[in-house]
Amino acid sequence: MNTVEIVLNSMDKVKSFVKVISKFSADFDLTCGRAVIDAKSIVGVMSLDLSKKLDLKINPKKSDVNEIIEALEPYKVA
């Protein structure tokens, strides 16, 4: 399992993020404090405090890892 810190500080970013990760068969969980949600759920993502950094936990298929990390580049914490 891999973890990436991301920021989704606008509704446009949330929409594009969910669209990007939904293309992959991997499991994605977003955590903010004690809340853990399915990152492929736009309603779930919007229920989090988007003013904070979020931890994205990725459980990828073997061959998807590099492609997923590359696709997440626009959302990573700088």
C-alpha atoms as a PDB file:
ATOM      1  CA  MET A   1       0.000   0.000   0.000  1.00  0.00           C
ATOM      2  CA  ASN A   2       1.258   3.480  -0.889  1.00  0.00           C
ATOM      3  CA  THR A   3       0.287   6.771   0.741  1.00  0.00           C
ATOM      4  CA  VAL A   4       0.369  10.164  -0.978  1.00  0.00           C
ATOM      5  CA  GLU A   5      -0.437  13.569   0.561  1.00  0.00           C
ATOM      6  CA  ILE A   6      -2.811  15.534  -1.647  1.00  0.00           C
ATOM      7  CA  VAL A   7      -4.715  18.824  -1.617  1.00  0.00           C
ATOM      8  CA  LEU A   8      -8.192  19.191  -3.115  1.00  0.00           C
ATOM      9  CA  ASN A   9      -8.930  22.835  -2.342  1.00  0.00           C
ATOM     10  CA  SER A  10     -11.602  23.477  -4.981  1.00  0.00           C
ATOM     11  CA  MET A  11     -14.674  21.732  -6.359  1.00  0.00           C
ATOM     12  CA  ASP A  12     -13.058  21.566  -9.814  1.00  0.00           C
ATOM     13  CA  LYS A  13     -10.081  19.726  -8.314  1.00  0.00           C
ATOM     14  CA  VAL A  14     -12.400  17.300  -6.517  1.00  0.00           C
ATOM     15  CA  LYS A  15     -14.280  16.517  -9.733  1.00  0.00           C
ATOM     16  CA  SER A  16     -11.145  16.012 -11.809  1.00  0.00           C
ATOM     17  CA  PHE A  17      -9.481  13.948  -9.034  1.00  0.00           C
ATOM     18  CA  VAL A  18     -12.421  11.530  -8.772  1.00  0.00           C
ATOM     19  CA  LYS A  19     -12.573  11.266 -12.563  1.00  0.00           C
ATOM     20  CA  VAL A  20      -8.830  10.471 -12.783  1.00  0.00           C
ATOM     21  CA  ILE A  21      -8.732   7.798 -10.070  1.00  0.00           C
ATOM     22  CA  SER A  22     -11.960   6.171 -11.236  1.00  0.00           C
ATOM     23  CA  LYS A  23     -10.079   5.025 -14.351  1.00  0.00           C
ATOM     24  CA  PHE A  24      -7.963   2.663 -12.225  1.00  0.00           C
ATOM     25  CA  SER A  25      -9.037  -0.663 -10.729  1.00  0.00           C
ATOM     26  CA  ALA A  26      -7.026  -0.003  -7.557  1.00  0.00           C
ATOM     27  CA  ASP A  27      -8.671   0.736  -4.213  1.00  0.00           C
ATOM     28  CA  PHE A  28      -8.273   4.317  -2.952  1.00  0.00           C
ATOM     29  CA  ASP A  29      -9.068   5.600   0.550  1.00  0.00           C
ATOM     30  CA  LEU A  30      -8.881   9.241   1.619  1.00  0.00           C
ATOM     31  CA  THR A  31      -8.252  10.057   5.254  1.00  0.00           C
ATOM     32  CA  CYS A  32      -8.689  13.324   7.068  1.00  0.00           C
ATOM     33  CA  GLY A  33      -8.214  12.946  10.789  1.00  0.00           C
ATOM     34  CA  ARG A  34     -10.218   9.898  11.797  1.00  0.00           C
ATOM     35  CA  ALA A  35     -12.521   9.989   8.765  1.00  0.00           C
ATOM     36  CA  VAL A  36     -11.813   7.420   6.056  1.00  0.00           C
ATOM     37  CA  ILE A  37     -13.798   7.455   2.820  1.00  0.00           C
ATOM     38  CA  ASP A  38     -13.736   5.786  -0.580  1.00  0.00           C
ATOM     39  CA  ALA A  39     -11.839   8.273  -2.748  1.00  0.00           C
ATOM     40  CA  LYS A  40     -13.843   7.259  -5.832  1.00  0.00           C
ATOM     41  CA  SER A  41     -16.995   8.661  -4.205  1.00  0.00           C
ATOM     42  CA  ILE A  42     -17.433  12.331  -5.096  1.00  0.00           C
ATOM     43  CA  VAL A  43     -20.004  12.740  -2.303  1.00  0.00           C
ATOM     44  CA  GLY A  44     -17.599  11.186   0.185  1.00  0.00           C
ATOM     45  CA  VAL A  45     -14.719  13.415  -0.915  1.00  0.00           C
ATOM     46  CA  MET A  46     -16.895  16.523  -0.679  1.00  0.00           C
ATOM     47  CA  SER A  47     -17.815  15.588   2.901  1.00  0.00           C
ATOM     48  CA  LEU A  48     -14.189  16.011   4.041  1.00  0.00           C
ATOM     49  CA  ASP A  49     -12.538  19.223   5.223  1.00  0.00           C
ATOM     50  CA  LEU A  50     -10.974  20.251   1.914  1.00  0.00           C
ATOM     51  CA  SER A  51      -8.994  23.074   3.505  1.00  0.00           C
ATOM     52  CA  LYS A  52      -6.598  20.474   4.957  1.00  0.00           C
ATOM     53  CA  LYS A  53      -4.069  18.085   3.455  1.00  0.00           C
ATOM     54  CA  LEU A  54      -5.516  14.642   2.834  1.00  0.00           C
ATOM     55  CA  ASP A  55      -3.774  11.270   2.898  1.00  0.00           C
ATOM     56  CA  LEU A  56      -4.578   9.083  -0.095  1.00  0.00           C
ATOM     57  CA  LYS A  57      -3.950   5.391   0.531  1.00  0.00           C
ATOM     58  CA  ILE A  58      -3.527   3.405  -2.662  1.00  0.00           C
ATOM     59  CA  ASN A  59      -3.804  -0.364  -2.918  1.00  0.00           C
ATOM     60  CA  PRO A  60      -2.840  -0.814  -6.588  1.00  0.00           C
ATOM     61  CA  LYS A  61      -2.526  -3.750  -8.896  1.00  0.00           C
ATOM     62  CA  LYS A  62       1.158  -4.470  -9.537  1.00  0.00           C
ATOM     63  CA  SER A  63       1.406  -2.855 -12.950  1.00  0.00           C
ATOM     64  CA  ASP A  64      -0.613   0.282 -12.125  1.00  0.00           C
ATOM     65  CA  VAL A  65       1.682   1.876  -9.507  1.00  0.00           C
ATOM     66  CA  ASN A  66       3.763   4.165 -11.727  1.00  0.00           C
ATOM     67  CA  GLU A  67       0.782   5.178 -13.848  1.00  0.00           C
ATOM     68  CA  ILE A  68      -1.275   6.054 -10.755  1.00  0.00           C
ATOM     69  CA  ILE A  69       1.521   8.098  -9.142  1.00  0.00           C
ATOM     70  CA  GLU A  70       1.995  10.013 -12.407  1.00  0.00           C
ATOM     71  CA  ALA A  71      -1.756  10.701 -12.726  1.00  0.00           C
ATOM     72  CA  LEU A  72      -1.828  12.082  -9.152  1.00  0.00           C
ATOM     73  CA  GLU A  73       0.910  14.647  -9.783  1.00  0.00           C
ATOM     74  CA  PRO A  74      -1.460  17.682 -10.082  1.00  0.00           C
ATOM     75  CA  TYR A  75      -2.983  16.894  -6.672  1.00  0.00           C
ATOM     76  CA  LYS A  76       0.168  16.205  -4.622  1.00  0.00           C
ATOM     77  CA  VAL A  77       1.266  18.538  -1.865  1.00  0.00           C
ATOM     78  CA  ALA A  78       4.067  20.722  -3.182  1.00  0.00           C
END
